[in-house]
Protein backbone atom coordinates (compact mmCIF):
# COMPACT_ATOMS: atom_id res chain seq x y z
CA UNK A 1 295.50 91.79 -63.41
CA UNK A 2 295.78 95.26 -64.83
CA UNK A 3 293.12 96.64 -66.66
CA UNK A 4 292.60 99.61 -69.27
CA UNK A 5 291.22 101.69 -67.36
CA UNK A 6 292.00 105.18 -69.06
CA UNK A 7 290.94 103.87 -72.12
CA UNK A 8 287.03 104.08 -70.91
CA UNK A 9 287.90 106.81 -68.97
CA UNK A 10 288.41 108.93 -72.32
CA UNK A 11 285.14 107.43 -73.34
CA UNK A 12 283.43 109.00 -70.36
CA UNK A 13 282.91 105.16 -69.32
CA UNK A 14 283.40 103.29 -66.07
CA UNK A 15 285.67 100.67 -66.58
CA UNK A 16 284.26 96.57 -65.87
CA UNK A 17 285.96 96.41 -62.88
CA UNK A 18 284.91 99.97 -61.56
CA UNK A 19 281.56 98.93 -62.31
CA UNK A 20 281.43 95.63 -60.49
CA UNK A 21 282.85 97.79 -57.25
CA UNK A 22 280.62 100.47 -57.32
CA UNK A 23 277.91 97.75 -57.72
CA UNK A 24 278.59 95.32 -54.93
CA UNK A 25 279.59 96.14 -51.32
CA UNK A 26 283.38 97.28 -50.47
CA UNK A 27 286.11 94.13 -51.16
CA UNK A 28 283.19 92.00 -51.65
CA UNK A 29 283.99 91.15 -55.13
CA UNK A 30 285.40 87.45 -56.20
CA UNK A 31 286.86 86.77 -59.79
CA UNK A 32 285.96 83.34 -61.59
CA UNK A 33 287.92 82.27 -64.42
CA UNK A 34 290.18 84.88 -64.96
CA UNK A 35 292.58 82.54 -66.95
CA UNK A 36 290.08 81.47 -69.60
CA UNK A 37 291.22 81.88 -72.73
CA UNK A 38 289.96 81.85 -76.18
CA UNK A 39 290.99 78.66 -78.41
CA UNK A 40 290.12 80.85 -81.78
CA UNK A 41 292.75 80.25 -84.91
CA UNK A 42 290.79 82.04 -87.70
CA UNK A 43 292.00 85.55 -89.36
CA UNK A 44 294.56 85.64 -87.23
CA UNK A 45 293.32 85.10 -84.08
CA UNK A 46 296.31 82.51 -83.02
CA UNK A 47 298.44 85.89 -82.20
CA UNK A 48 295.97 87.22 -80.26
CA UNK A 49 295.32 87.31 -76.73
CA UNK A 50 292.55 88.44 -75.25
CA UNK A 51 292.77 88.39 -71.53
CA UNK A 52 289.23 86.73 -69.54
CA UNK A 53 288.50 86.54 -73.14
CA UNK A 54 286.80 89.84 -72.54
CA UNK A 55 284.28 90.02 -69.64
CA UNK A 56 284.94 89.62 -66.18
CA UNK A 57 282.44 87.27 -63.56
CA UNK A 58 282.45 86.39 -60.35
CA UNK A 59 280.20 86.37 -56.95
CA UNK A 60 280.03 89.35 -54.03
CA UNK A 61 277.38 91.02 -51.90
CA UNK A 62 274.78 94.00 -52.29
CA UNK A 63 273.91 94.51 -49.18
CA UNK A 64 274.92 92.27 -47.33
CA UNK A 65 273.37 89.46 -49.55
CA UNK A 66 275.23 87.14 -52.05
CA UNK A 67 275.12 88.02 -55.53
CA UNK A 68 276.45 86.92 -59.39
CA UNK A 69 278.03 89.78 -61.33
CA UNK A 70 279.57 89.86 -65.10
CA UNK A 71 280.74 92.59 -66.80
CA UNK A 72 282.01 92.69 -70.40
CA UNK A 73 284.74 94.72 -70.37
CA UNK A 74 284.99 96.97 -73.98
CA UNK A 75 288.61 97.52 -73.87
CA UNK A 76 289.73 94.03 -75.12
CA UNK A 77 288.71 93.03 -78.38
CA UNK A 78 285.44 95.68 -78.01
CA UNK A 79 283.59 93.34 -76.04
CA UNK A 80 282.99 91.04 -78.16
CA UNK A 81 281.41 87.53 -77.13
CA UNK A 82 282.72 84.12 -78.19
CA UNK A 83 282.45 81.10 -77.41
CA UNK A 84 284.21 80.96 -74.18
CA UNK A 85 282.88 84.56 -73.14
CA UNK A 86 279.73 83.20 -73.63
CA UNK A 87 280.07 80.05 -71.85
CA UNK A 88 281.22 81.98 -68.74
CA UNK A 89 278.26 84.32 -68.81
CA UNK A 90 276.34 80.64 -68.98
CA UNK A 91 278.22 79.08 -66.61
CA UNK A 92 278.26 81.86 -63.97
CA UNK A 93 274.63 82.30 -64.45
CA UNK A 94 273.72 78.12 -63.90
CA UNK A 95 275.60 78.85 -60.62
CA UNK A 96 273.38 81.55 -59.65
CA UNK A 97 270.37 79.54 -59.75
CA UNK A 98 272.44 76.65 -57.83
CA UNK A 99 273.43 79.10 -55.15
CA UNK A 100 269.71 80.21 -55.15
CA UNK A 101 270.98 84.35 -55.88
CA UNK A 102 270.60 87.34 -58.41
CA UNK A 103 272.55 87.29 -61.18
CA UNK A 104 273.66 91.26 -62.51
CA UNK A 105 275.04 91.49 -66.05
CA UNK A 106 277.25 94.64 -67.28
CA UNK A 107 277.11 94.67 -71.39
CA UNK A 108 279.10 96.54 -73.02
CA UNK A 109 279.96 94.74 -75.50
CA UNK A 110 280.53 95.06 -80.15
CA UNK A 111 278.58 92.16 -80.67
CA UNK A 112 279.80 88.81 -81.75
CA UNK A 113 283.17 87.74 -82.66
CA UNK A 114 282.92 87.51 -86.08
CA UNK A 115 286.17 85.29 -86.44
CA UNK A 116 284.47 82.29 -84.03
CA UNK A 117 281.23 82.22 -86.63
CA UNK A 118 279.08 80.00 -84.86
CA UNK A 119 281.06 79.26 -82.10
CA UNK A 120 279.72 83.31 -81.24
CA UNK A 121 276.51 82.52 -82.41
CA UNK A 122 276.25 79.38 -80.12
CA UNK A 123 277.57 81.12 -77.02
CA UNK A 124 275.07 83.27 -76.88
CA UNK A 125 272.61 80.27 -77.34
CA UNK A 126 274.03 78.51 -74.46
CA UNK A 127 273.68 82.50 -72.08
CA UNK A 128 269.65 82.76 -73.83
CA UNK A 129 269.22 79.10 -72.53
CA UNK A 130 270.29 79.65 -69.15
CA UNK A 131 268.39 82.57 -68.83
CA UNK A 132 265.35 81.39 -69.41
CA UNK A 133 266.11 78.66 -66.49
CA UNK A 134 266.79 81.46 -64.20
CA UNK A 135 263.79 83.41 -64.97
CA UNK A 136 261.30 83.04 -61.96
CA UNK A 137 264.03 80.85 -60.35
CA UNK A 138 266.21 83.89 -59.35
CA UNK A 139 266.20 87.66 -60.60
CA UNK A 140 268.04 88.24 -63.75
CA UNK A 141 269.00 92.07 -64.13
CA UNK A 142 270.51 93.54 -67.02
CA UNK A 143 272.64 96.91 -67.13
CA UNK A 144 273.12 98.34 -70.45
CA UNK A 145 276.20 100.23 -70.54
CA UNK A 146 277.37 100.75 -73.93
CA UNK A 147 276.56 99.06 -76.82
CA UNK A 148 274.59 96.43 -76.76
CA UNK A 149 273.14 95.13 -80.54
CA UNK A 150 272.63 92.09 -82.54
CA UNK A 151 272.03 88.67 -80.98
CA UNK A 152 272.98 90.74 -77.46
CA UNK A 153 270.09 92.14 -77.11
CA UNK A 154 268.06 89.11 -76.05
CA UNK A 155 269.86 88.22 -73.25
CA UNK A 156 268.87 91.48 -71.65
CA UNK A 157 265.58 91.10 -73.00
CA UNK A 158 264.62 88.05 -71.17
CA UNK A 159 266.27 89.34 -67.57
CA UNK A 160 263.55 90.60 -65.52
CA UNK A 161 264.58 94.49 -65.12
CA UNK A 162 266.97 96.75 -67.74
CA UNK A 163 268.33 99.57 -66.54
CA UNK A 164 269.82 102.11 -69.16
CA UNK A 165 272.20 104.96 -68.99
CA UNK A 166 271.66 108.67 -70.28
CA UNK A 167 274.36 109.23 -73.16
CA UNK A 168 276.08 105.55 -72.75
CA UNK A 169 273.52 102.92 -73.95
CA UNK A 170 272.86 102.03 -77.01
CA UNK A 171 270.85 99.18 -77.54
CA UNK A 172 269.66 98.01 -80.81
CA UNK A 173 268.79 94.53 -83.32
CA UNK A 174 270.66 96.69 -86.11
CA UNK A 175 272.70 99.76 -85.42
CA UNK A 176 272.84 102.71 -87.53
CA UNK A 177 275.20 102.09 -90.70
CA UNK A 178 272.69 98.73 -91.40
CA UNK A 179 269.86 101.03 -91.19
CA UNK A 180 271.35 103.53 -93.86
CA UNK A 181 272.43 100.70 -95.99
CA UNK A 182 269.13 98.90 -96.28
CA UNK A 183 266.30 101.49 -95.96
CA UNK A 184 268.92 104.62 -96.88
CA UNK A 185 268.02 106.29 -92.68
CA UNK A 186 270.68 108.31 -91.90
CA UNK A 187 269.70 108.06 -87.89
CA UNK A 188 272.67 108.59 -84.77
CA UNK A 189 272.44 105.56 -82.06
CA UNK A 190 270.72 107.88 -79.73
CA UNK A 191 268.28 108.38 -81.28
CA UNK A 192 268.14 104.45 -82.49
CA UNK A 193 268.31 102.65 -79.52
CA UNK A 194 269.39 105.72 -76.60
CA UNK A 195 267.73 105.42 -73.24
CA UNK A 196 265.56 107.95 -73.73
CA UNK A 197 264.15 105.99 -76.28
CA UNK A 198 263.87 102.81 -74.65
CA UNK A 199 262.49 104.38 -71.82
CA UNK A 200 259.78 106.42 -73.44
CA UNK A 201 258.61 104.48 -76.77
CA UNK A 202 259.80 101.11 -76.63
CA UNK A 203 259.50 99.95 -73.24
CA UNK A 204 262.57 97.83 -73.24
CA UNK A 205 264.38 100.05 -70.17
CA UNK A 206 262.56 99.91 -66.86
CA UNK A 207 265.12 102.37 -65.01
CA UNK A 208 266.60 104.87 -66.57
CA UNK A 209 269.26 107.05 -64.73
CA UNK A 210 271.02 109.68 -65.33
CA UNK A 211 274.65 108.41 -65.14
CA UNK A 212 276.90 105.39 -64.61
CA UNK A 213 276.53 106.08 -60.46
CA UNK A 214 273.16 106.60 -59.62
CA UNK A 215 272.32 103.37 -62.02
CA UNK A 216 274.51 100.98 -60.01
CA UNK A 217 272.99 102.64 -56.61
CA UNK A 218 268.93 102.03 -57.83
CA UNK A 219 270.72 98.65 -58.46
CA UNK A 220 271.63 98.55 -55.10
CA UNK A 221 267.99 99.79 -53.90
CA UNK A 222 265.38 97.30 -56.35
CA UNK A 223 267.78 94.46 -54.38
CA UNK A 224 266.27 95.56 -50.94
CA UNK A 225 263.23 95.25 -52.32
CA UNK A 226 262.60 91.71 -53.84
CA UNK A 227 263.02 88.51 -53.02
CA UNK A 228 266.47 87.32 -53.86
CA UNK A 229 265.34 83.68 -54.92
CA UNK A 230 261.96 81.89 -55.12
CA UNK A 231 260.55 80.57 -52.22
CA UNK A 232 262.99 83.78 -50.23
CA UNK A 233 261.00 85.84 -47.15
CA UNK A 234 261.75 89.30 -47.69
CA UNK A 235 262.07 90.24 -43.88
CA UNK A 236 260.56 93.69 -42.85
CA UNK A 237 262.14 96.60 -42.72
CA UNK A 238 261.61 97.85 -39.46
CA UNK A 239 262.71 101.21 -40.22
CA UNK A 240 259.49 102.06 -42.22
CA UNK A 241 257.33 105.54 -41.33
CA UNK A 242 253.96 106.07 -41.95
CA UNK A 243 251.78 109.67 -40.75
CA UNK A 244 248.53 108.05 -40.32
CA UNK A 245 246.62 111.32 -39.52
CA UNK A 246 248.88 113.24 -42.21
CA UNK A 247 247.68 110.34 -44.75
CA UNK A 248 244.40 110.07 -43.93
CA UNK A 249 243.67 114.01 -44.62
CA UNK A 250 245.42 114.25 -47.98
CA UNK A 251 243.89 111.04 -48.79
CA UNK A 252 240.50 112.67 -48.87
CA UNK A 253 241.23 115.66 -51.01
CA UNK A 254 242.70 113.66 -53.99
CA UNK A 255 239.76 112.48 -56.04
CA UNK A 256 238.53 115.73 -58.12
CA UNK A 257 235.15 117.29 -57.46
CA UNK A 258 234.41 116.81 -61.32
CA UNK A 259 234.52 113.15 -62.47
CA UNK A 260 235.73 113.96 -65.87
CA UNK A 261 239.08 115.82 -64.43
CA UNK A 262 242.31 113.96 -64.16
CA UNK A 263 244.65 113.26 -61.32
CA UNK A 264 247.74 111.52 -60.19
CA UNK A 265 247.45 107.64 -58.87
CA UNK A 266 250.78 108.36 -57.39
CA UNK A 267 249.04 110.74 -54.29
CA UNK A 268 247.14 108.49 -53.64
CA UNK A 269 249.32 105.24 -53.55
CA UNK A 270 252.17 107.82 -51.29
CA UNK A 271 248.91 108.05 -49.10
CA UNK A 272 249.41 104.17 -48.59
CA UNK A 273 252.04 102.92 -48.32
CA UNK A 274 255.14 103.50 -45.77
CA UNK A 275 256.86 107.28 -46.30
CA UNK A 276 258.74 107.92 -49.13
CA UNK A 277 258.88 103.55 -50.10
CA UNK A 278 258.03 103.94 -53.33
CA UNK A 279 259.60 102.34 -56.21
CA UNK A 280 258.04 102.61 -59.57
CA UNK A 281 259.47 100.85 -62.64
CA UNK A 282 258.75 101.75 -66.15
CA UNK A 283 257.77 105.62 -65.06
CA UNK A 284 257.86 107.24 -68.39
CA UNK A 285 256.50 104.34 -70.56
CA UNK A 286 252.99 103.87 -71.04
CA UNK A 287 252.04 106.94 -68.53
CA UNK A 288 248.40 105.83 -67.82
CA UNK A 289 249.59 103.56 -65.81
CA UNK A 290 251.74 103.13 -62.52
CA UNK A 291 253.54 100.24 -61.41
CA UNK A 292 256.35 99.98 -58.84
CA UNK A 293 257.00 98.12 -55.59
CA UNK A 294 256.40 99.64 -52.15
CA UNK A 295 256.52 98.69 -48.36
CA UNK A 296 253.46 98.28 -46.11
CA UNK A 297 255.01 98.03 -42.37
CA UNK A 298 257.93 97.04 -43.71
CA UNK A 299 256.80 94.54 -46.21
CA UNK A 300 257.27 94.66 -50.29
CA UNK A 301 254.23 94.59 -52.10
CA UNK A 302 253.67 94.95 -55.83
CA UNK A 303 251.16 97.91 -57.11
CA UNK A 304 249.55 98.36 -60.36
CA UNK A 305 247.39 101.62 -61.13
CA UNK A 306 245.59 103.17 -63.59
CA UNK A 307 246.85 107.13 -64.05
CA UNK A 308 243.76 109.73 -64.89
CA UNK A 309 246.55 111.71 -65.08
CA UNK A 310 247.63 110.17 -68.25
CA UNK A 311 245.25 109.91 -71.11
CA UNK A 312 242.47 109.56 -68.68
CA UNK A 313 243.73 106.21 -67.31
CA UNK A 314 242.49 104.56 -70.01
CA UNK A 315 244.10 100.63 -70.65
CA UNK A 316 245.80 100.69 -74.08
CA UNK A 317 248.30 98.36 -76.27
CA UNK A 318 251.72 99.65 -74.05
CA UNK A 319 249.84 100.17 -70.50
CA UNK A 320 248.27 96.65 -70.99
CA UNK A 321 252.44 94.96 -71.76
CA UNK A 322 253.77 97.18 -68.92
CA UNK A 323 250.98 95.37 -66.49
CA UNK A 324 250.59 91.72 -67.39
CA UNK A 325 254.51 91.99 -67.14
CA UNK A 326 254.57 93.24 -63.68
CA UNK A 327 251.94 90.89 -62.56
CA UNK A 328 253.99 88.21 -63.73
CA UNK A 329 257.34 88.73 -61.89
CA UNK A 330 255.68 89.75 -58.56
CA UNK A 331 253.17 86.53 -58.88
CA UNK A 332 256.89 84.40 -59.70
CA UNK A 333 258.14 85.29 -56.34
CA UNK A 334 255.17 85.66 -54.65
CA UNK A 335 254.78 89.15 -54.25
CA UNK A 336 251.82 90.17 -52.98
CA UNK A 337 249.86 92.21 -55.26
CA UNK A 338 248.11 95.71 -54.77
CA UNK A 339 245.64 97.39 -57.28
CA UNK A 340 244.38 100.87 -57.66
CA UNK A 341 241.48 101.12 -60.06
CA UNK A 342 240.20 103.77 -61.85
CA UNK A 343 239.99 103.22 -65.92
CA UNK A 344 237.13 104.36 -68.31
CA UNK A 345 237.92 101.29 -70.17
CA UNK A 346 240.15 99.73 -73.42
CA UNK A 347 240.95 102.66 -75.56
CA UNK A 348 238.48 103.12 -78.57
CA UNK A 349 239.92 103.47 -82.43
CA UNK A 350 241.36 101.95 -85.24
CA UNK A 351 244.69 102.62 -84.17
CA UNK A 352 244.97 100.28 -80.66
CA UNK A 353 242.86 97.85 -82.67
CA UNK A 354 245.51 97.17 -85.44
CA UNK A 355 248.29 96.87 -83.08
CA UNK A 356 246.37 94.79 -81.45
CA UNK A 357 244.15 95.75 -78.31
CA UNK A 358 242.31 92.36 -77.92
CA UNK A 359 245.93 90.19 -78.33
CA UNK A 360 247.32 92.71 -75.52
CA UNK A 361 244.22 93.34 -73.10
CA UNK A 362 243.89 89.75 -72.95
CA UNK A 363 247.70 89.79 -71.44
CA UNK A 364 245.88 91.84 -68.35
CA UNK A 365 243.33 89.45 -67.67
CA UNK A 366 245.25 86.31 -68.65
CA UNK A 367 248.28 87.66 -65.59
CA UNK A 368 246.02 88.13 -63.24
CA UNK A 369 243.79 85.33 -63.39
CA UNK A 370 247.00 83.27 -63.06
CA UNK A 371 248.18 84.95 -60.51
CA UNK A 372 248.07 83.15 -57.24
CA UNK A 373 249.60 85.31 -54.38
CA UNK A 374 247.54 87.59 -52.49
CA UNK A 375 245.67 90.11 -54.62
CA UNK A 376 243.53 93.31 -52.80
CA UNK A 377 241.71 95.49 -55.15
CA UNK A 378 240.55 99.46 -53.76
CA UNK A 379 237.96 101.03 -57.08
CA UNK A 380 238.78 104.92 -56.20
CA UNK A 381 236.86 106.02 -58.87
CA UNK A 382 235.59 104.03 -62.12
CA UNK A 383 235.67 100.96 -63.09
CA UNK A 384 233.89 100.69 -66.75
CA UNK A 385 233.10 97.32 -68.83
CA UNK A 386 236.20 94.74 -69.72
CA UNK A 387 238.68 96.99 -68.07
CA UNK A 388 237.46 96.61 -64.40
CA UNK A 389 237.06 92.94 -64.80
CA UNK A 390 240.58 93.35 -66.40
CA UNK A 391 241.50 95.46 -63.57
CA UNK A 392 241.74 92.64 -61.35
CA UNK A 393 238.09 92.14 -60.34
CA UNK A 394 236.67 90.01 -58.08
CA UNK A 395 235.62 87.32 -61.32
CA UNK A 396 239.45 87.23 -61.87
CA UNK A 397 240.00 86.27 -58.42
CA UNK A 398 240.82 88.92 -56.44
CA UNK A 399 241.02 88.46 -52.59
CA UNK A 400 239.48 91.54 -51.15
CA UNK A 401 237.93 94.37 -53.90
CA UNK A 402 237.04 97.00 -51.41
CA UNK A 403 235.44 100.69 -53.07
CA UNK A 404 235.37 104.16 -52.30
CA UNK A 405 231.92 105.08 -51.80
CA UNK A 406 232.10 107.39 -54.78
CA UNK A 407 233.02 104.70 -57.47
CA UNK A 408 231.20 104.08 -60.32
CA UNK A 409 231.05 100.79 -61.68
CA UNK A 410 228.96 99.69 -64.85
CA UNK A 411 229.41 98.50 -68.78
CA UNK A 412 229.86 102.34 -69.39
CA UNK A 413 229.33 105.19 -68.33
CA UNK A 414 225.81 107.47 -68.17
CA UNK A 415 226.50 109.51 -70.95
CA UNK A 416 227.37 107.06 -73.22
CA UNK A 417 225.00 103.94 -71.87
CA UNK A 418 221.84 106.68 -72.50
CA UNK A 419 222.78 107.12 -76.01
CA UNK A 420 222.22 103.58 -76.74
CA UNK A 421 219.07 103.70 -74.77
CA UNK A 422 217.82 106.41 -75.31
CA UNK A 423 218.19 106.57 -78.74
CA UNK A 424 215.14 107.67 -79.89
CA UNK A 425 214.57 109.88 -76.98
CA UNK A 426 217.41 111.97 -77.52
CA UNK A 427 216.26 113.35 -81.06
CA UNK A 428 213.07 115.01 -79.69
CA UNK A 429 213.24 118.24 -77.61
CA UNK A 430 210.36 117.32 -75.94
CA UNK A 431 211.70 114.11 -73.64
CA UNK A 432 214.68 116.36 -72.57
CA UNK A 433 213.74 115.99 -69.27
CA UNK A 434 212.60 111.64 -69.14
CA UNK A 435 216.51 111.65 -70.54
CA UNK A 436 217.44 113.39 -68.30
CA UNK A 437 215.70 111.46 -64.94
CA UNK A 438 216.74 108.14 -66.84
CA UNK A 439 220.19 109.49 -66.79
CA UNK A 440 220.39 109.88 -63.55
CA UNK A 441 218.28 106.54 -62.16
CA UNK A 442 221.22 105.05 -64.44
CA UNK A 443 223.62 106.95 -61.80
CA UNK A 444 221.71 105.73 -58.97
CA UNK A 445 220.74 102.58 -59.90
CA UNK A 446 222.98 100.69 -62.29
CA UNK A 447 226.36 102.63 -61.66
CA UNK A 448 226.53 103.10 -58.02
CA UNK A 449 229.33 100.16 -55.60
CA UNK A 450 226.29 99.33 -53.58
CA UNK A 451 224.70 97.34 -56.23
CA UNK A 452 228.01 95.33 -56.72
CA UNK A 453 228.22 95.07 -52.98
CA UNK A 454 224.84 93.28 -52.85
CA UNK A 455 225.77 90.82 -55.28
CA UNK A 456 228.95 90.18 -53.57
CA UNK A 457 231.96 91.65 -56.47
CA UNK A 458 232.95 94.23 -53.61
CA UNK A 459 233.79 93.08 -50.48
CA UNK A 460 233.38 96.22 -48.71
CA UNK A 461 233.01 100.06 -49.40
CA UNK A 462 234.90 102.14 -47.38
CA UNK A 463 236.43 105.27 -46.65
CA UNK A 464 239.17 106.83 -48.30
CA UNK A 465 240.87 107.61 -44.81
CA UNK A 466 240.33 103.45 -44.09
CA UNK A 467 242.37 102.70 -46.96
CA UNK A 468 245.62 101.70 -45.25
CA UNK A 469 244.01 100.05 -41.91
CA UNK A 470 242.49 97.94 -44.29
CA UNK A 471 244.65 97.04 -46.69
CA UNK A 472 247.02 96.22 -43.51
CA UNK A 473 244.58 93.90 -42.17
CA UNK A 474 244.03 92.12 -45.25
CA UNK A 475 247.28 91.30 -46.12
CA UNK A 476 248.01 90.08 -42.60
CA UNK A 477 245.12 87.72 -42.93
CA UNK A 478 246.72 86.55 -46.64
CA UNK A 479 250.11 86.36 -45.64
CA UNK A 480 249.83 82.53 -45.37
CA UNK A 481 247.30 82.07 -48.33
CA UNK A 482 248.10 78.91 -50.18
CA UNK A 483 246.54 78.56 -53.99
CA UNK A 484 245.56 74.70 -54.98
CA UNK A 485 242.41 74.87 -57.49
CA UNK A 486 244.89 74.13 -60.59
CA UNK A 487 243.68 72.00 -62.76
CA UNK A 488 245.82 69.01 -64.54
CA UNK A 489 248.46 71.05 -67.19
CA UNK A 490 252.28 71.67 -68.31
CA UNK A 491 251.49 75.45 -68.20
CA UNK A 492 248.98 77.17 -70.07
CA UNK A 493 249.04 79.71 -73.79
CA UNK A 494 249.26 83.27 -72.82
CA UNK A 495 248.12 85.63 -75.58
CA UNK A 496 251.84 87.34 -76.06
């Protein structure tokens, strides 16, 4: 089969077959249904020859393990999706489910093939249906390596991870021309649905890459962290490195003396997990929280953390969505969860209330409560109000909750609490000493983690330098955890 490689190169993009070969191990890809042709006769389509109906499908290996792959070929009829094109993708996904391996889609298409009408729409529907069937059974990865518009966006939207590429990705429901005709607004494809937009503003993208080469390398790296099907057990990487003395010294120095001062929670994460093993997801979106995969003694864990460096680490609508989605992925594939807490609360104000912070915040509570994987929580500093509960507290089913000695656990901080409890006294200058004494009492008797430990809500108060050891021991103990206390029901109703 000859491919129109030069036509793609002229646009600064790789051809579909080059993309597949860059992704898969050398000489491992086997194409399927190469001879499939469309059966449309409308508007001169009976005279058009569309090889393999514009999408290359097949299977191969990545890092020595089997995968199913498809890549739309923009050089053939703009990569448009017709009935047979959609059927090839849907059938490949079904086979991946049956064969128990990840499915990776490389999207580069002008959208639905207009000449095929409802048959093209049906093609999309068949793909979506298989995407939903595959969800939680096998990992689904989407690479947006060109235009992906209209109904085409919903297949990636259902999948687990979306990779975008700078200056290559164009992903939107309606393109710039429609926006201009309906809303009288001039906007470029890049500003409407480019890689940067989806990585920083919409939260659609999980990974933003500089170019196609780095994108395929990142996909290959991701596949080394995650199970390849439900029930798959990842073999520990025996090459892990961890400098215990260096990490113990560093972790003691991370928290600032000033409790109002921010810091990067990634510094804590990197003092606990294996060296250079953190694979962050959605790094540029909702920067007040951090999620990603790490290795502890070579084993994959899912990590969720508030990040005081970003907006003080508060929970807002975007952070809640990011956290809840990641928790549910990890739980789907039995990846243990490790949560680092430093959260002053849910963000106040009319903007977030009107966006539905109640509904979005409830997703975090639901996701943690529903998750049955081993769940460990470490409270680093602040854990206030409903956000304390939401961030995998003992009350939501955390198996072990550890706290550092300076952790503060309370309905709210001392300043806010005193303003409510001593509102009258604050107006009287003569009672300043009384108010100050009350503030100190609140800090020492209410906010201290020792109260929570006395009530059994904290498993143990630990020194920062002991965090890694405690996490390793706890996950070892929980490795064979089985959750059986499930009421009779079909499924719950997450507050989407």
